[in-house]
Amino acid sequence: MAHFENDDDPMDDGRVVKGRGGAKPEKSSKGAYDSVSQVQGMGPARSIEGYIVFVTNVHEEAQEEELHELFSEFGEIKNLHLNLDRRTCFVKGYALIEYNTLKEAKKAIEEMDGQEFMDQILSVDWSFLKGPIGGDSRRTNATRRRSPERVGERKRA
């Protein structure tokens, strides 16, 4: 083991160290970083124009018009994204639906979560949640469920 004359700081030999970790760490770094104010409580976060609902387990052959018709009974849909796989040109399995009001979006989630559409059970939830920022406490009691297996889906090896 190396012996240093000054046991306090073995790197203090007059060299100038540049780059990450070159500066001596401060005793207290509290307040050294910008912070984002924390919002109390969990709940849906409003996007620029409305509230976005995330629909998963959408059948690969579903059409935008069919989803629009299905979800428009809960309120006016401002925006509907049904993304396609570039290679296969089939639906990727999810959709983003934007409603103007919280009431419309909440009703769509309550009514459509767990409903069958084209022989598959839809999973409907909020796209964005607001809440405390941080490690594990971020999504307590608001975890997403895994999408159920598709009817007739083959297991891949």
C-alpha atoms as a PDB file:
ATOM      1  CA  MET A   1       0.000   0.000   0.000  1.00  0.00           C
ATOM      2  CA  ALA A   2       1.273   3.466  -0.869  1.00  0.00           C
ATOM      3  CA  HIS A   3       2.278   5.817   1.895  1.00  0.00           C
ATOM      4  CA  PHE A   4       1.452   9.502   1.541  1.00  0.00           C
ATOM      5  CA  GLU A   5       3.004  12.219   3.634  1.00  0.00           C
ATOM      6  CA  ASN A   6      -0.293  14.104   3.760  1.00  0.00           C
ATOM      7  CA  ASP A   7      -2.970  11.525   4.585  1.00  0.00           C
ATOM      8  CA  ASP A   8      -5.749  14.101   4.193  1.00  0.00           C
ATOM      9  CA  ASP A   9      -5.606  14.333   0.395  1.00  0.00           C
ATOM     10  CA  PRO A  10      -3.315  12.011  -1.600  1.00  0.00           C
ATOM     11  CA  MET A  11      -4.029  13.964  -4.838  1.00  0.00           C
ATOM     12  CA  ASP A  12      -2.750  17.266  -3.413  1.00  0.00           C
ATOM     13  CA  ASP A  13       0.690  17.134  -4.994  1.00  0.00           C
ATOM     14  CA  GLY A  14       0.503  20.412  -6.898  1.00  0.00           C
ATOM     15  CA  ARG A  15      -0.831  18.896 -10.135  1.00  0.00           C
ATOM     16  CA  VAL A  16      -3.659  20.614 -11.979  1.00  0.00           C
ATOM     17  CA  VAL A  17      -6.399  18.157 -12.856  1.00  0.00           C
ATOM     18  CA  LYS A  18      -8.866  19.168 -15.553  1.00  0.00           C
ATOM     19  CA  GLY A  19     -12.193  17.647 -16.468  1.00  0.00           C
ATOM     20  CA  ARG A  20     -14.792  15.747 -14.505  1.00  0.00           C
ATOM     21  CA  GLY A  21     -13.770  15.167 -10.922  1.00  0.00           C
ATOM     22  CA  GLY A  22     -10.886  17.611 -11.150  1.00  0.00           C
ATOM     23  CA  ALA A  23     -12.268  20.080  -8.661  1.00  0.00           C
ATOM     24  CA  LYS A  24     -12.195  19.308  -4.975  1.00  0.00           C
ATOM     25  CA  PRO A  25     -15.624  18.269  -3.739  1.00  0.00           C
ATOM     26  CA  GLU A  26     -17.368  20.763  -1.546  1.00  0.00           C
ATOM     27  CA  LYS A  27     -18.222  19.766   2.001  1.00  0.00           C
ATOM     28  CA  SER A  28     -21.926  20.404   1.385  1.00  0.00           C
ATOM     29  CA  SER A  29     -23.489  20.360  -2.041  1.00  0.00           C
ATOM     30  CA  LYS A  30     -26.944  21.243  -0.735  1.00  0.00           C
ATOM     31  CA  GLY A  31     -28.468  23.919  -2.923  1.00  0.00           C
ATOM     32  CA  ALA A  32     -25.805  23.502  -5.598  1.00  0.00           C
ATOM     33  CA  TYR A  33     -28.298  22.099  -8.117  1.00  0.00           C
ATOM     34  CA  ASP A  34     -31.353  23.539  -9.772  1.00  0.00           C
ATOM     35  CA  SER A  35     -34.515  21.996  -8.455  1.00  0.00           C
ATOM     36  CA  VAL A  36     -37.983  21.435  -9.789  1.00  0.00           C
ATOM     37  CA  SER A  37     -40.825  22.179  -7.439  1.00  0.00           C
ATOM     38  CA  GLN A  38     -42.597  19.055  -6.285  1.00  0.00           C
ATOM     39  CA  VAL A  39     -46.331  18.750  -6.759  1.00  0.00           C
ATOM     40  CA  GLN A  40     -48.171  17.133  -3.875  1.00  0.00           C
ATOM     41  CA  GLY A  41     -50.294  14.100  -4.702  1.00  0.00           C
ATOM     42  CA  MET A  42     -50.595  11.915  -7.745  1.00  0.00           C
ATOM     43  CA  GLY A  43     -52.936  12.497 -10.616  1.00  0.00           C
ATOM     44  CA  PRO A  44     -53.180  13.103 -14.332  1.00  0.00           C
ATOM     45  CA  ALA A  45     -51.009  15.822 -15.816  1.00  0.00           C
ATOM     46  CA  ARG A  46     -52.541  18.186 -18.331  1.00  0.00           C
ATOM     47  CA  SER A  47     -50.697  18.501 -21.622  1.00  0.00           C
ATOM     48  CA  ILE A  48     -50.672  21.732 -23.613  1.00  0.00           C
ATOM     49  CA  GLU A  49     -54.137  21.185 -25.074  1.00  0.00           C
ATOM     50  CA  GLY A  50     -55.804  18.582 -22.864  1.00  0.00           C
ATOM     51  CA  TYR A  51     -55.542  15.245 -21.096  1.00  0.00           C
ATOM     52  CA  ILE A  52     -53.914  12.311 -22.894  1.00  0.00           C
ATOM     53  CA  VAL A  53     -55.087   8.737 -22.431  1.00  0.00           C
ATOM     54  CA  PHE A  54     -52.769   5.819 -23.228  1.00  0.00           C
ATOM     55  CA  VAL A  55     -54.473   2.770 -24.764  1.00  0.00           C
ATOM     56  CA  THR A  56     -52.477  -0.463 -24.978  1.00  0.00           C
ATOM     57  CA  ASN A  57     -53.105  -3.910 -26.442  1.00  0.00           C
ATOM     58  CA  VAL A  58     -54.670  -2.398 -29.561  1.00  0.00           C
ATOM     59  CA  HIS A  59     -55.092  -4.986 -32.313  1.00  0.00           C
ATOM     60  CA  GLU A  60     -52.505  -4.695 -35.100  1.00  0.00           C
ATOM     61  CA  GLU A  61     -55.229  -4.392 -37.758  1.00  0.00           C
ATOM     62  CA  ALA A  62     -57.256  -1.715 -35.938  1.00  0.00           C
ATOM     63  CA  GLN A  63     -58.126   1.428 -37.894  1.00  0.00           C
ATOM     64  CA  GLU A  64     -57.955   4.991 -36.621  1.00  0.00           C
ATOM     65  CA  GLU A  65     -61.621   5.549 -37.515  1.00  0.00           C
ATOM     66  CA  GLU A  66     -62.680   2.534 -35.426  1.00  0.00           C
ATOM     67  CA  LEU A  67     -60.835   3.786 -32.354  1.00  0.00           C
ATOM     68  CA  HIS A  68     -62.162   7.305 -32.900  1.00  0.00           C
ATOM     69  CA  GLU A  69     -65.722   5.997 -33.040  1.00  0.00           C
ATOM     70  CA  LEU A  70     -65.188   3.818 -29.963  1.00  0.00           C
ATOM     71  CA  PHE A  71     -63.693   6.570 -27.774  1.00  0.00           C
ATOM     72  CA  SER A  72     -65.663   9.577 -29.071  1.00  0.00           C
ATOM     73  CA  GLU A  73     -68.728   8.584 -27.049  1.00  0.00           C
ATOM     74  CA  PHE A  74     -66.946   9.929 -23.932  1.00  0.00           C
ATOM     75  CA  GLY A  75     -66.267  13.378 -25.346  1.00  0.00           C
ATOM     76  CA  GLU A  76     -64.689  15.306 -28.167  1.00  0.00           C
ATOM     77  CA  ILE A  77     -61.360  13.820 -29.199  1.00  0.00           C
ATOM     78  CA  LYS A  78     -58.855  16.571 -29.916  1.00  0.00           C
ATOM     79  CA  ASN A  79     -56.112  14.274 -31.148  1.00  0.00           C
ATOM     80  CA  LEU A  80     -55.653  10.561 -31.831  1.00  0.00           C
ATOM     81  CA  HIS A  81     -52.298   8.947 -32.602  1.00  0.00           C
ATOM     82  CA  LEU A  82     -52.220   5.372 -33.801  1.00  0.00           C
ATOM     83  CA  ASN A  83     -48.594   4.641 -34.660  1.00  0.00           C
ATOM     84  CA  LEU A  84     -47.680   2.134 -37.345  1.00  0.00           C
ATOM     85  CA  ASP A  85     -44.638  -0.104 -37.602  1.00  0.00           C
ATOM     86  CA  ARG A  86     -42.576   1.105 -40.579  1.00  0.00           C
ATOM     87  CA  ARG A  87     -41.558  -2.374 -41.637  1.00  0.00           C
ATOM     88  CA  THR A  88     -44.898  -4.173 -41.406  1.00  0.00           C
ATOM     89  CA  CYS A  89     -47.310  -1.201 -41.701  1.00  0.00           C
ATOM     90  CA  PHE A  90     -49.362  -2.707 -38.843  1.00  0.00           C
ATOM     91  CA  VAL A  91     -50.381  -0.861 -35.683  1.00  0.00           C
ATOM     92  CA  LYS A  92     -47.695  -0.992 -33.006  1.00  0.00           C
ATOM     93  CA  GLY A  93     -50.235  -1.944 -30.337  1.00  0.00           C
ATOM     94  CA  TYR A  94     -50.916   1.346 -28.618  1.00  0.00           C
ATOM     95  CA  ALA A  95     -52.768   4.597 -29.172  1.00  0.00           C
ATOM     96  CA  LEU A  96     -52.675   8.063 -27.630  1.00  0.00           C
ATOM     97  CA  ILE A  97     -56.041   9.800 -27.353  1.00  0.00           C
ATOM     98  CA  GLU A  98     -56.347  13.413 -26.217  1.00  0.00           C
ATOM     99  CA  TYR A  99     -59.477  14.846 -24.623  1.00  0.00           C
ATOM    100  CA  ASN A 100     -60.125  18.494 -23.834  1.00  0.00           C
ATOM    101  CA  THR A 101     -61.393  17.997 -20.288  1.00  0.00           C
ATOM    102  CA  LEU A 102     -60.399  15.866 -17.328  1.00  0.00           C
ATOM    103  CA  LYS A 103     -63.981  14.624 -16.972  1.00  0.00           C
ATOM    104  CA  GLU A 104     -64.043  13.203 -20.538  1.00  0.00           C
ATOM    105  CA  ALA A 105     -60.667  11.502 -20.198  1.00  0.00           C
ATOM    106  CA  LYS A 106     -61.518  10.043 -16.788  1.00  0.00           C
ATOM    107  CA  LYS A 107     -64.805   8.641 -18.093  1.00  0.00           C
ATOM    108  CA  ALA A 108     -63.023   7.046 -21.080  1.00  0.00           C
ATOM    109  CA  ILE A 109     -60.531   5.354 -18.743  1.00  0.00           C
ATOM    110  CA  GLU A 110     -63.218   4.110 -16.373  1.00  0.00           C
ATOM    111  CA  GLU A 111     -65.470   2.773 -19.133  1.00  0.00           C
ATOM    112  CA  MET A 112     -62.900   1.340 -21.574  1.00  0.00           C
ATOM    113  CA  ASP A 113     -60.229  -0.165 -19.309  1.00  0.00           C
ATOM    114  CA  GLY A 114     -60.630  -3.935 -19.560  1.00  0.00           C
ATOM    115  CA  GLN A 115     -63.108  -3.816 -22.461  1.00  0.00           C
ATOM    116  CA  GLU A 116     -62.744  -6.098 -25.457  1.00  0.00           C
ATOM    117  CA  PHE A 117     -61.969  -4.585 -28.858  1.00  0.00           C
ATOM    118  CA  MET A 118     -61.268  -6.791 -31.882  1.00  0.00           C
ATOM    119  CA  ASP A 119     -60.882  -9.893 -29.672  1.00  0.00           C
ATOM    120  CA  GLN A 120     -58.315  -8.203 -27.397  1.00  0.00           C
ATOM    121  CA  ILE A 121     -58.710  -6.699 -23.939  1.00  0.00           C
ATOM    122  CA  LEU A 122     -57.788  -3.000 -23.946  1.00  0.00           C
ATOM    123  CA  SER A 123     -55.778  -1.446 -21.152  1.00  0.00           C
ATOM    124  CA  VAL A 124     -56.526   2.270 -20.740  1.00  0.00           C
ATOM    125  CA  ASP A 125     -54.709   4.620 -18.373  1.00  0.00           C
ATOM    126  CA  TRP A 126     -53.272   8.149 -18.129  1.00  0.00           C
ATOM    127  CA  SER A 127     -50.296   8.912 -20.349  1.00  0.00           C
ATOM    128  CA  PHE A 128     -48.762  11.408 -17.943  1.00  0.00           C
ATOM    129  CA  LEU A 129     -48.971  11.562 -14.179  1.00  0.00           C
ATOM    130  CA  LYS A 130     -47.874  14.398 -11.976  1.00  0.00           C
ATOM    131  CA  GLY A 131     -46.455  13.724  -8.580  1.00  0.00           C
ATOM    132  CA  PRO A 132     -43.339  13.815  -6.472  1.00  0.00           C
ATOM    133  CA  ILE A 133     -40.065  13.728  -8.331  1.00  0.00           C
ATOM    134  CA  GLY A 134     -37.523  11.161  -7.226  1.00  0.00           C
ATOM    135  CA  GLY A 135     -36.537   7.535  -7.144  1.00  0.00           C
ATOM    136  CA  ASP A 136     -38.989   4.877  -6.059  1.00  0.00           C
ATOM    137  CA  SER A 137     -41.610   7.214  -4.605  1.00  0.00           C
ATOM    138  CA  ARG A 138     -42.503   8.513  -8.030  1.00  0.00           C
ATOM    139  CA  ARG A 139     -45.301   6.132  -8.957  1.00  0.00           C
ATOM    140  CA  THR A 140     -46.529   4.590  -5.750  1.00  0.00           C
ATOM    141  CA  ASN A 141     -50.035   3.170  -6.063  1.00  0.00           C
ATOM    142  CA  ALA A 142     -50.113   4.148  -9.732  1.00  0.00           C
ATOM    143  CA  THR A 143     -48.125   1.417 -11.446  1.00  0.00           C
ATOM    144  CA  ARG A 144     -49.029   0.340 -14.945  1.00  0.00           C
ATOM    145  CA  ARG A 145     -50.224  -3.158 -15.523  1.00  0.00           C
ATOM    146  CA  ARG A 146     -48.698  -5.481 -18.058  1.00  0.00           C
ATOM    147  CA  SER A 147     -50.825  -5.851 -21.168  1.00  0.00           C
ATOM    148  CA  PRO A 148     -52.694  -9.149 -21.321  1.00  0.00           C
ATOM    149  CA  GLU A 149     -51.658 -11.732 -23.885  1.00  0.00           C
ATOM    150  CA  ARG A 150     -53.363 -11.404 -27.255  1.00  0.00           C
ATOM    151  CA  VAL A 151     -55.960 -13.970 -28.163  1.00  0.00           C
ATOM    152  CA  GLY A 152     -54.414 -16.598 -30.424  1.00  0.00           C
ATOM    153  CA  GLU A 153     -50.924 -15.103 -30.110  1.00  0.00           C
ATOM    154  CA  ARG A 154     -48.135 -17.563 -30.778  1.00  0.00           C
ATOM    155  CA  LYS A 155     -45.256 -17.858 -28.321  1.00  0.00           C
ATOM    156  CA  ARG A 156     -41.967 -16.852 -29.905  1.00  0.00           C
ATOM    157  CA  ALA A 157     -38.816 -18.797 -29.201  1.00  0.00           C
END
